[in-house]
């Protein structure tokens, strides 16, 4: 993991502010979803990108009955080629 040298304090509601330089670098805009992971004693933030529940593809993922699915897997489920 690479250190950015940026230190932020957690406020009374448990929030931190991601600096604009970091958000620009990672293409994180207002209202974008961010995933939170725990790796040992580290917290990892990652911009959320929906993936297909079957093949983990990120291309053209849509929602079908509340689940993320790509067009290819949807065609397979329908029995199409």
N, C-alpha and C. Protein backbone atom coordinates (compact mmCIF):
# COMPACT_ATOMS: atom_id res chain seq x y z
N UNK A 1 0.85 -1.18 0.00
CA UNK A 1 0.00 0.00 0.00
C UNK A 1 0.89 1.24 0.00
N UNK A 2 0.50 2.24 -0.74
CA UNK A 2 1.28 3.47 -0.86
C UNK A 2 0.70 4.56 0.05
N UNK A 3 1.57 5.20 0.82
CA UNK A 3 1.12 6.29 1.70
C UNK A 3 0.97 7.57 0.90
N UNK A 4 -0.11 8.31 1.20
CA UNK A 4 -0.33 9.60 0.53
C UNK A 4 0.20 10.75 1.37
N UNK A 5 0.47 10.48 2.63
CA UNK A 5 0.91 11.54 3.54
C UNK A 5 -0.24 12.39 4.05
N UNK A 6 -1.46 12.04 3.70
CA UNK A 6 -2.64 12.80 4.12
C UNK A 6 -3.18 12.21 5.41
N UNK A 7 -3.41 13.05 6.40
CA UNK A 7 -3.99 12.61 7.67
C UNK A 7 -5.26 13.41 7.92
N UNK A 8 -6.33 12.72 8.26
CA UNK A 8 -7.61 13.36 8.57
C UNK A 8 -8.13 12.82 9.89
N UNK A 9 -8.82 13.66 10.64
CA UNK A 9 -9.43 13.22 11.89
C UNK A 9 -10.87 12.79 11.64
N UNK A 10 -11.32 11.82 12.42
CA UNK A 10 -12.70 11.36 12.37
C UNK A 10 -13.52 12.32 13.22
N UNK A 11 -14.65 12.80 12.66
CA UNK A 11 -15.49 13.73 13.44
C UNK A 11 -16.39 12.97 14.41
N UNK A 12 -17.21 13.71 15.15
CA UNK A 12 -18.05 13.09 16.19
C UNK A 12 -19.10 12.14 15.63
N UNK A 13 -19.39 12.22 14.33
CA UNK A 13 -20.34 11.31 13.69
C UNK A 13 -19.64 10.15 12.98
N UNK A 14 -18.30 10.07 13.13
CA UNK A 14 -17.55 8.97 12.51
C UNK A 14 -17.18 9.22 11.07
N UNK A 15 -17.25 10.46 10.61
CA UNK A 15 -16.97 10.78 9.21
C UNK A 15 -15.54 11.28 9.02
N UNK A 16 -15.03 11.06 7.81
CA UNK A 16 -13.77 11.66 7.39
C UNK A 16 -14.01 12.32 6.04
N UNK A 17 -13.17 13.27 5.70
CA UNK A 17 -13.28 13.94 4.41
C UNK A 17 -12.16 13.43 3.50
N UNK A 18 -12.53 12.98 2.31
CA UNK A 18 -11.53 12.60 1.31
C UNK A 18 -11.11 13.85 0.55
N UNK A 19 -9.83 14.17 0.55
CA UNK A 19 -9.38 15.39 -0.12
C UNK A 19 -9.72 15.37 -1.61
N UNK A 20 -9.96 16.54 -2.16
CA UNK A 20 -10.35 16.68 -3.57
C UNK A 20 -9.31 16.08 -4.51
N UNK A 21 -8.03 16.22 -4.18
CA UNK A 21 -6.98 15.66 -5.03
C UNK A 21 -7.12 14.14 -5.14
N UNK A 22 -7.43 13.51 -4.02
CA UNK A 22 -7.61 12.06 -4.00
C UNK A 22 -8.86 11.66 -4.76
N UNK A 23 -9.95 12.40 -4.57
CA UNK A 23 -11.19 12.09 -5.30
C UNK A 23 -11.01 12.26 -6.79
N UNK A 24 -10.28 13.30 -7.21
CA UNK A 24 -10.04 13.49 -8.64
C UNK A 24 -9.19 12.36 -9.20
N UNK A 25 -8.15 11.98 -8.48
CA UNK A 25 -7.27 10.90 -8.93
C UNK A 25 -8.03 9.60 -9.10
N UNK A 26 -8.95 9.32 -8.18
CA UNK A 26 -9.69 8.06 -8.21
C UNK A 26 -11.04 8.18 -8.90
N UNK A 27 -11.32 9.35 -9.50
CA UNK A 27 -12.58 9.60 -10.21
C UNK A 27 -13.80 9.33 -9.32
N UNK A 28 -13.75 9.86 -8.11
CA UNK A 28 -14.87 9.75 -7.18
C UNK A 28 -15.56 11.11 -7.10
N UNK A 29 -16.82 11.16 -7.52
CA UNK A 29 -17.57 12.41 -7.51
C UNK A 29 -18.59 12.43 -6.39
N UNK A 30 -19.26 13.58 -6.26
CA UNK A 30 -20.33 13.67 -5.27
C UNK A 30 -21.38 12.62 -5.56
N UNK A 31 -21.90 12.02 -4.52
CA UNK A 31 -22.95 11.01 -4.58
C UNK A 31 -22.48 9.65 -5.10
N UNK A 32 -21.18 9.51 -5.48
CA UNK A 32 -20.68 8.20 -5.89
C UNK A 32 -20.63 7.27 -4.68
N UNK A 33 -20.87 6.00 -4.92
CA UNK A 33 -20.80 5.01 -3.85
C UNK A 33 -19.35 4.55 -3.69
N UNK A 34 -18.97 4.30 -2.44
CA UNK A 34 -17.63 3.83 -2.11
C UNK A 34 -17.77 2.56 -1.28
N UNK A 35 -17.03 1.51 -1.68
CA UNK A 35 -17.04 0.26 -0.92
C UNK A 35 -15.99 0.34 0.18
N UNK A 36 -16.28 -0.28 1.30
CA UNK A 36 -15.37 -0.29 2.44
C UNK A 36 -14.96 -1.74 2.71
N UNK A 37 -13.65 -1.97 2.71
CA UNK A 37 -13.10 -3.29 2.99
C UNK A 37 -12.23 -3.22 4.24
N UNK A 38 -12.06 -4.34 4.90
CA UNK A 38 -11.12 -4.45 6.01
C UNK A 38 -10.08 -5.49 5.62
N UNK A 39 -8.81 -5.11 5.73
CA UNK A 39 -7.69 -6.00 5.42
C UNK A 39 -6.78 -6.01 6.64
N UNK A 40 -6.99 -6.99 7.51
CA UNK A 40 -6.24 -7.01 8.77
C UNK A 40 -6.66 -5.82 9.61
N UNK A 41 -5.70 -4.94 9.91
CA UNK A 41 -6.01 -3.75 10.70
C UNK A 41 -6.16 -2.51 9.82
N UNK A 42 -6.26 -2.71 8.51
CA UNK A 42 -6.38 -1.59 7.57
C UNK A 42 -7.81 -1.47 7.04
N UNK A 43 -8.23 -0.25 6.77
CA UNK A 43 -9.50 0.02 6.11
C UNK A 43 -9.18 0.45 4.69
N UNK A 44 -9.82 -0.18 3.72
CA UNK A 44 -9.58 0.12 2.31
C UNK A 44 -10.86 0.66 1.70
N UNK A 45 -10.78 1.82 1.05
CA UNK A 45 -11.92 2.41 0.36
C UNK A 45 -11.73 2.23 -1.13
N UNK A 46 -12.80 1.87 -1.83
CA UNK A 46 -12.73 1.65 -3.27
C UNK A 46 -14.01 2.17 -3.91
N UNK A 47 -13.88 2.87 -5.04
CA UNK A 47 -15.07 3.33 -5.74
C UNK A 47 -15.90 2.11 -6.14
N UNK A 48 -17.18 2.17 -5.86
CA UNK A 48 -18.06 1.04 -6.14
C UNK A 48 -18.38 0.96 -7.62
N UNK A 49 -18.18 -0.18 -8.18
CA UNK A 49 -18.56 -0.47 -9.56
C UNK A 49 -19.36 -1.77 -9.54
N UNK A 50 -20.63 -1.72 -9.90
CA UNK A 50 -21.44 -2.95 -9.87
C UNK A 50 -20.88 -4.00 -10.82
N UNK A 51 -20.89 -5.26 -10.39
CA UNK A 51 -20.42 -6.36 -11.22
C UNK A 51 -21.50 -7.42 -11.32
N UNK A 52 -21.42 -8.20 -12.37
CA UNK A 52 -22.36 -9.30 -12.59
C UNK A 52 -22.20 -10.33 -11.47
N UNK A 53 -23.31 -10.81 -10.94
CA UNK A 53 -23.26 -11.78 -9.84
C UNK A 53 -22.74 -13.14 -10.31
N UNK A 54 -22.74 -13.39 -11.61
CA UNK A 54 -22.29 -14.69 -12.12
C UNK A 54 -20.85 -14.67 -12.61
N UNK A 55 -20.47 -13.66 -13.38
CA UNK A 55 -19.14 -13.67 -14.02
C UNK A 55 -18.23 -12.52 -13.58
N UNK A 56 -18.72 -11.64 -12.72
CA UNK A 56 -17.95 -10.48 -12.23
C UNK A 56 -17.61 -9.45 -13.31
N UNK A 57 -18.27 -9.51 -14.45
CA UNK A 57 -18.05 -8.51 -15.50
C UNK A 57 -18.54 -7.14 -15.03
N UNK A 58 -17.87 -6.08 -15.49
CA UNK A 58 -18.33 -4.73 -15.15
C UNK A 58 -18.92 -4.02 -16.37
N UNK A 59 -18.95 -4.69 -17.52
CA UNK A 59 -19.45 -4.09 -18.76
C UNK A 59 -20.97 -4.18 -18.86
N UNK A 60 -21.60 -3.05 -19.04
CA UNK A 60 -23.04 -2.97 -19.29
C UNK A 60 -23.90 -3.71 -18.26
N UNK A 61 -23.50 -3.68 -17.02
CA UNK A 61 -24.24 -4.39 -15.97
C UNK A 61 -25.56 -3.68 -15.70
N UNK A 62 -26.63 -4.46 -15.70
CA UNK A 62 -27.95 -3.94 -15.40
C UNK A 62 -28.52 -4.67 -14.19
N UNK A 63 -29.70 -4.30 -13.80
CA UNK A 63 -30.34 -4.94 -12.65
C UNK A 63 -31.52 -5.76 -13.15
N UNK A 64 -31.56 -7.02 -12.76
CA UNK A 64 -32.65 -7.92 -13.11
C UNK A 64 -33.15 -8.55 -11.81
N UNK A 65 -34.40 -8.27 -11.46
CA UNK A 65 -35.00 -8.77 -10.22
C UNK A 65 -34.12 -8.49 -9.01
N UNK A 66 -33.57 -7.28 -8.97
CA UNK A 66 -32.79 -6.84 -7.82
C UNK A 66 -31.34 -7.31 -7.80
N UNK A 67 -30.90 -7.99 -8.84
CA UNK A 67 -29.53 -8.50 -8.90
C UNK A 67 -28.79 -7.91 -10.09
N UNK A 68 -27.50 -7.63 -9.92
CA UNK A 68 -26.67 -7.12 -11.01
C UNK A 68 -26.33 -8.26 -11.95
N UNK A 69 -26.56 -8.04 -13.25
CA UNK A 69 -26.29 -9.08 -14.24
C UNK A 69 -25.90 -8.44 -15.56
N UNK A 70 -24.94 -9.07 -16.24
CA UNK A 70 -24.49 -8.56 -17.53
C UNK A 70 -25.38 -9.14 -18.64
N UNK A 71 -25.38 -8.52 -19.81
CA UNK A 71 -26.23 -9.01 -20.91
C UNK A 71 -25.92 -10.45 -21.32
N UNK A 72 -24.65 -10.83 -21.30
CA UNK A 72 -24.27 -12.18 -21.71
C UNK A 72 -24.89 -13.22 -20.77
N UNK A 73 -24.77 -13.03 -19.47
CA UNK A 73 -25.33 -13.98 -18.52
C UNK A 73 -26.86 -13.98 -18.56
N UNK A 74 -27.45 -12.82 -18.82
CA UNK A 74 -28.91 -12.74 -18.93
C UNK A 74 -29.39 -13.56 -20.12
N UNK A 75 -28.67 -13.47 -21.25
CA UNK A 75 -29.02 -14.28 -22.42
C UNK A 75 -28.90 -15.77 -22.10
N UNK A 76 -27.83 -16.15 -21.40
CA UNK A 76 -27.65 -17.56 -21.03
C UNK A 76 -28.79 -18.05 -20.14
N UNK A 77 -29.21 -17.22 -19.20
CA UNK A 77 -30.32 -17.60 -18.32
C UNK A 77 -31.61 -17.79 -19.10
N UNK A 78 -31.78 -16.98 -20.12
CA UNK A 78 -32.98 -17.08 -20.95
C UNK A 78 -32.89 -18.23 -21.96
N UNK A 79 -31.72 -18.88 -22.04
CA UNK A 79 -31.54 -19.97 -22.99
C UNK A 79 -31.23 -19.51 -24.39
N UNK A 80 -30.85 -18.26 -24.53
CA UNK A 80 -30.49 -17.69 -25.84
C UNK A 80 -28.99 -17.87 -26.06
N UNK A 81 -28.59 -17.75 -27.33
CA UNK A 81 -27.15 -17.85 -27.64
C UNK A 81 -26.58 -16.54 -28.03
